[in-house]
């Protein structure tokens, strides 16, 4: 029998550091260089979208209310004073409430504030008006205010 010499197996690389610590980092672009532009473009697109959304939301209808005060006259009567800012042509409904000591609703009334005719000398701050609403209550209230205001759907 004749034996044929076999080729020796691949010897281990001579570079002991590469075997011990791994390969050196590649010289290709890093993560920020590869993805940084896409992340920045995405963030810019989100910022522009939010700016457009906020601009569109503020150009819509104006409706804002703020509690000014309340007066508990007796166990069966109370009044609530609030300011309402709305566009002149809007009809607004507001729910006014009086609460007891344990936060139970003891008085409730929904009022409708209709459209108004603006005069020539009105300024934008004239859209804000104060309203005083009297309510009947079931028990002695300790606080009162506006629960919410809304523009009803035209029917």
C-alpha atoms as a PDB file:
ATOM      1  CA  UNK A   1       0.000   0.000   0.000  1.00  0.00           C
ATOM      2  CA  UNK A   2       1.138   3.288  -0.822  1.00  0.00           C
ATOM      3  CA  UNK A   3       0.249   6.168   1.316  1.00  0.00           C
ATOM      4  CA  UNK A   4      -0.245   9.581  -0.046  1.00  0.00           C
ATOM      5  CA  UNK A   5       0.781  12.424   2.076  1.00  0.00           C
ATOM      6  CA  UNK A   6      -2.112  14.546   3.246  1.00  0.00           C
ATOM      7  CA  UNK A   7      -2.024  18.311   3.283  1.00  0.00           C
ATOM      8  CA  UNK A   8      -1.643  19.695   6.745  1.00  0.00           C
ATOM      9  CA  UNK A   9      -4.743  21.301   8.311  1.00  0.00           C
ATOM     10  CA  UNK A  10      -4.989  25.061   8.191  1.00  0.00           C
ATOM     11  CA  UNK A  11      -2.687  26.315  10.852  1.00  0.00           C
ATOM     12  CA  UNK A  12      -3.884  28.907  13.334  1.00  0.00           C
ATOM     13  CA  UNK A  13      -3.174  32.438  12.244  1.00  0.00           C
ATOM     14  CA  UNK A  14       0.086  33.837  13.412  1.00  0.00           C
ATOM     15  CA  UNK A  15      -1.582  36.943  14.811  1.00  0.00           C
ATOM     16  CA  UNK A  16      -2.165  36.025  18.449  1.00  0.00           C
ATOM     17  CA  UNK A  17      -3.930  39.343  19.205  1.00  0.00           C
ATOM     18  CA  UNK A  18      -6.643  38.705  16.604  1.00  0.00           C
ATOM     19  CA  UNK A  19      -7.245  35.276  18.119  1.00  0.00           C
ATOM     20  CA  UNK A  20      -7.388  36.667  21.620  1.00  0.00           C
ATOM     21  CA  UNK A  21      -9.377  39.916  21.156  1.00  0.00           C
ATOM     22  CA  UNK A  22     -11.226  39.453  17.897  1.00  0.00           C
ATOM     23  CA  UNK A  23     -10.937  41.232  14.632  1.00  0.00           C
ATOM     24  CA  UNK A  24     -10.242  44.935  14.490  1.00  0.00           C
ATOM     25  CA  UNK A  25     -13.307  47.119  13.875  1.00  0.00           C
ATOM     26  CA  UNK A  26     -14.272  47.470  10.258  1.00  0.00           C
ATOM     27  CA  UNK A  27     -13.357  50.636   8.502  1.00  0.00           C
ATOM     28  CA  UNK A  28     -16.913  51.030   7.068  1.00  0.00           C
ATOM     29  CA  UNK A  29     -19.313  53.781   8.143  1.00  0.00           C
ATOM     30  CA  UNK A  30     -20.445  53.682  11.762  1.00  0.00           C
ATOM     31  CA  UNK A  31     -24.058  53.468  12.932  1.00  0.00           C
ATOM     32  CA  UNK A  32     -24.535  57.254  13.241  1.00  0.00           C
ATOM     33  CA  UNK A  33     -23.091  57.772   9.803  1.00  0.00           C
ATOM     34  CA  UNK A  34     -25.352  55.118   8.286  1.00  0.00           C
ATOM     35  CA  UNK A  35     -28.577  55.857  10.125  1.00  0.00           C
ATOM     36  CA  UNK A  36     -28.091  59.385  11.443  1.00  0.00           C
ATOM     37  CA  UNK A  37     -29.419  61.046   8.304  1.00  0.00           C
ATOM     38  CA  UNK A  38     -32.537  58.850   8.279  1.00  0.00           C
ATOM     39  CA  UNK A  39     -33.213  59.487  11.962  1.00  0.00           C
ATOM     40  CA  UNK A  40     -32.773  63.244  11.484  1.00  0.00           C
ATOM     41  CA  UNK A  41     -35.082  63.225   8.450  1.00  0.00           C
ATOM     42  CA  UNK A  42     -37.716  61.277  10.377  1.00  0.00           C
ATOM     43  CA  UNK A  43     -37.503  63.654  13.350  1.00  0.00           C
ATOM     44  CA  UNK A  44     -37.837  66.633  11.020  1.00  0.00           C
ATOM     45  CA  UNK A  45     -40.905  65.091   9.360  1.00  0.00           C
ATOM     46  CA  UNK A  46     -42.540  64.514  12.756  1.00  0.00           C
ATOM     47  CA  UNK A  47     -41.778  68.098  13.860  1.00  0.00           C
ATOM     48  CA  UNK A  48     -43.233  69.569  10.671  1.00  0.00           C
ATOM     49  CA  UNK A  49     -46.344  67.384  11.006  1.00  0.00           C
ATOM     50  CA  UNK A  50     -46.883  68.512  14.605  1.00  0.00           C
ATOM     51  CA  UNK A  51     -46.436  72.162  13.641  1.00  0.00           C
ATOM     52  CA  UNK A  52     -49.029  71.827  10.875  1.00  0.00           C
ATOM     53  CA  UNK A  53     -51.422  70.022  13.213  1.00  0.00           C
ATOM     54  CA  UNK A  54     -51.104  72.680  15.960  1.00  0.00           C
ATOM     55  CA  UNK A  55     -51.540  75.483  13.430  1.00  0.00           C
ATOM     56  CA  UNK A  56     -54.664  73.885  12.008  1.00  0.00           C
ATOM     57  CA  UNK A  57     -56.058  73.297  15.487  1.00  0.00           C
ATOM     58  CA  UNK A  58     -55.601  76.933  16.548  1.00  0.00           C
ATOM     59  CA  UNK A  59     -57.156  78.284  13.354  1.00  0.00           C
ATOM     60  CA  UNK A  60     -60.355  76.396  14.105  1.00  0.00           C
ATOM     61  CA  UNK A  61     -63.110  77.528  16.384  1.00  0.00           C
ATOM     62  CA  UNK A  62     -62.295  79.420  19.548  1.00  0.00           C
ATOM     63  CA  UNK A  63     -63.828  78.007  22.708  1.00  0.00           C
ATOM     64  CA  UNK A  64     -62.413  78.471  26.188  1.00  0.00           C
ATOM     65  CA  UNK A  65     -63.904  78.899  29.648  1.00  0.00           C
ATOM     66  CA  UNK A  66     -62.586  79.713  33.080  1.00  0.00           C
ATOM     67  CA  UNK A  67     -64.229  79.619  36.504  1.00  0.00           C
ATOM     68  CA  UNK A  68     -64.274  83.021  38.169  1.00  0.00           C
ATOM     69  CA  UNK A  69     -66.249  82.430  41.346  1.00  0.00           C
ATOM     70  CA  UNK A  70     -69.268  80.948  43.078  1.00  0.00           C
ATOM     71  CA  UNK A  71     -71.717  81.973  45.784  1.00  0.00           C
ATOM     72  CA  UNK A  72     -73.552  79.464  47.969  1.00  0.00           C
ATOM     73  CA  UNK A  73     -76.651  81.441  48.947  1.00  0.00           C
ATOM     74  CA  UNK A  74     -78.511  78.705  50.868  1.00  0.00           C
ATOM     75  CA  UNK A  75     -78.914  74.922  50.939  1.00  0.00           C
ATOM     76  CA  UNK A  76     -81.199  75.238  47.897  1.00  0.00           C
ATOM     77  CA  UNK A  77     -79.585  78.081  45.921  1.00  0.00           C
ATOM     78  CA  UNK A  78     -76.160  78.855  44.480  1.00  0.00           C
ATOM     79  CA  UNK A  79     -74.675  80.937  41.698  1.00  0.00           C
ATOM     80  CA  UNK A  80     -71.603  80.431  39.529  1.00  0.00           C
ATOM     81  CA  UNK A  81     -69.667  83.123  37.679  1.00  0.00           C
ATOM     82  CA  UNK A  82     -67.439  82.194  34.737  1.00  0.00           C
ATOM     83  CA  UNK A  83     -65.867  83.717  31.674  1.00  0.00           C
ATOM     84  CA  UNK A  84     -66.418  82.295  28.214  1.00  0.00           C
ATOM     85  CA  UNK A  85     -64.387  83.026  25.092  1.00  0.00           C
ATOM     86  CA  UNK A  86     -66.080  82.031  21.844  1.00  0.00           C
ATOM     87  CA  UNK A  87     -66.448  83.164  18.261  1.00  0.00           C
ATOM     88  CA  UNK A  88     -69.342  85.581  17.776  1.00  0.00           C
ATOM     89  CA  UNK A  89     -71.272  83.324  15.396  1.00  0.00           C
ATOM     90  CA  UNK A  90     -71.073  80.216  17.615  1.00  0.00           C
ATOM     91  CA  UNK A  91     -73.798  78.850  19.840  1.00  0.00           C
ATOM     92  CA  UNK A  92     -72.279  77.268  22.934  1.00  0.00           C
ATOM     93  CA  UNK A  93     -73.746  75.067  25.650  1.00  0.00           C
ATOM     94  CA  UNK A  94     -72.147  74.936  29.091  1.00  0.00           C
ATOM     95  CA  UNK A  95     -72.807  72.526  31.948  1.00  0.00           C
ATOM     96  CA  UNK A  96     -72.625  74.289  35.313  1.00  0.00           C
ATOM     97  CA  UNK A  97     -72.380  72.281  38.530  1.00  0.00           C
ATOM     98  CA  UNK A  98     -72.401  72.730  42.288  1.00  0.00           C
ATOM     99  CA  UNK A  99     -70.623  70.129  44.424  1.00  0.00           C
ATOM    100  CA  UNK A 100     -71.139  69.100  48.042  1.00  0.00           C
ATOM    101  CA  UNK A 101     -68.468  68.517  50.648  1.00  0.00           C
ATOM    102  CA  UNK A 102     -67.958  64.903  49.488  1.00  0.00           C
ATOM    103  CA  UNK A 103     -67.807  65.965  45.775  1.00  0.00           C
ATOM    104  CA  UNK A 104     -71.329  64.812  44.961  1.00  0.00           C
ATOM    105  CA  UNK A 105     -73.184  66.897  42.378  1.00  0.00           C
ATOM    106  CA  UNK A 106     -75.994  68.708  44.226  1.00  0.00           C
ATOM    107  CA  UNK A 107     -76.808  71.219  41.484  1.00  0.00           C
ATOM    108  CA  UNK A 108     -76.603  71.024  37.688  1.00  0.00           C
ATOM    109  CA  UNK A 109     -77.734  73.254  34.877  1.00  0.00           C
ATOM    110  CA  UNK A 110     -77.003  73.384  31.167  1.00  0.00           C
ATOM    111  CA  UNK A 111     -77.198  76.833  29.622  1.00  0.00           C
ATOM    112  CA  UNK A 112     -77.148  77.882  25.976  1.00  0.00           C
ATOM    113  CA  UNK A 113     -75.297  81.016  24.928  1.00  0.00           C
ATOM    114  CA  UNK A 114     -76.369  81.948  21.446  1.00  0.00           C
ATOM    115  CA  UNK A 115     -74.656  83.743  18.596  1.00  0.00           C
ATOM    116  CA  UNK A 116     -73.918  87.426  19.011  1.00  0.00           C
ATOM    117  CA  UNK A 117     -73.614  90.265  16.555  1.00  0.00           C
ATOM    118  CA  UNK A 118     -70.198  91.923  16.692  1.00  0.00           C
ATOM    119  CA  UNK A 119     -70.038  95.688  16.485  1.00  0.00           C
ATOM    120  CA  UNK A 120     -67.538  97.664  14.423  1.00  0.00           C
ATOM    121  CA  UNK A 121     -65.442  98.670  17.434  1.00  0.00           C
ATOM    122  CA  UNK A 122     -65.063  95.151  18.876  1.00  0.00           C
ATOM    123  CA  UNK A 123     -61.566  93.797  19.441  1.00  0.00           C
ATOM    124  CA  UNK A 124     -60.544  90.135  19.704  1.00  0.00           C
ATOM    125  CA  UNK A 125     -60.649  90.416  23.503  1.00  0.00           C
ATOM    126  CA  UNK A 126     -64.360  91.276  23.224  1.00  0.00           C
ATOM    127  CA  UNK A 127     -65.002  87.605  22.445  1.00  0.00           C
ATOM    128  CA  UNK A 128     -64.590  86.979  26.186  1.00  0.00           C
ATOM    129  CA  UNK A 129     -67.653  87.677  28.294  1.00  0.00           C
ATOM    130  CA  UNK A 130     -68.609  86.992  31.904  1.00  0.00           C
ATOM    131  CA  UNK A 131     -71.735  85.076  32.842  1.00  0.00           C
ATOM    132  CA  UNK A 132     -73.491  84.622  36.185  1.00  0.00           C
ATOM    133  CA  UNK A 133     -75.723  81.533  36.444  1.00  0.00           C
ATOM    134  CA  UNK A 134     -78.163  80.797  39.282  1.00  0.00           C
ATOM    135  CA  UNK A 135     -78.735  77.145  40.195  1.00  0.00           C
ATOM    136  CA  UNK A 136     -81.111  75.261  42.443  1.00  0.00           C
ATOM    137  CA  UNK A 137     -79.418  72.683  44.637  1.00  0.00           C
ATOM    138  CA  UNK A 138     -80.590  69.540  46.445  1.00  0.00           C
ATOM    139  CA  UNK A 139     -78.266  70.055  49.412  1.00  0.00           C
ATOM    140  CA  UNK A 140     -75.756  72.554  50.699  1.00  0.00           C
ATOM    141  CA  UNK A 141     -72.972  72.984  48.185  1.00  0.00           C
ATOM    142  CA  UNK A 142     -69.418  73.982  48.977  1.00  0.00           C
ATOM    143  CA  UNK A 143     -68.104  74.825  45.503  1.00  0.00           C
ATOM    144  CA  UNK A 144     -69.340  75.489  42.003  1.00  0.00           C
ATOM    145  CA  UNK A 145     -67.977  75.855  38.501  1.00  0.00           C
ATOM    146  CA  UNK A 146     -68.174  74.940  34.850  1.00  0.00           C
ATOM    147  CA  UNK A 147     -68.035  71.200  34.171  1.00  0.00           C
ATOM    148  CA  UNK A 148     -67.574  71.678  30.414  1.00  0.00           C
ATOM    149  CA  UNK A 149     -68.609  73.754  27.399  1.00  0.00           C
ATOM    150  CA  UNK A 150     -69.138  72.594  23.830  1.00  0.00           C
ATOM    151  CA  UNK A 151     -70.451  73.657  20.458  1.00  0.00           C
ATOM    152  CA  UNK A 152     -73.503  71.488  19.764  1.00  0.00           C
ATOM    153  CA  UNK A 153     -73.786  69.657  16.469  1.00  0.00           C
ATOM    154  CA  UNK A 154     -76.095  71.479  14.066  1.00  0.00           C
ATOM    155  CA  UNK A 155     -79.244  69.411  13.686  1.00  0.00           C
END
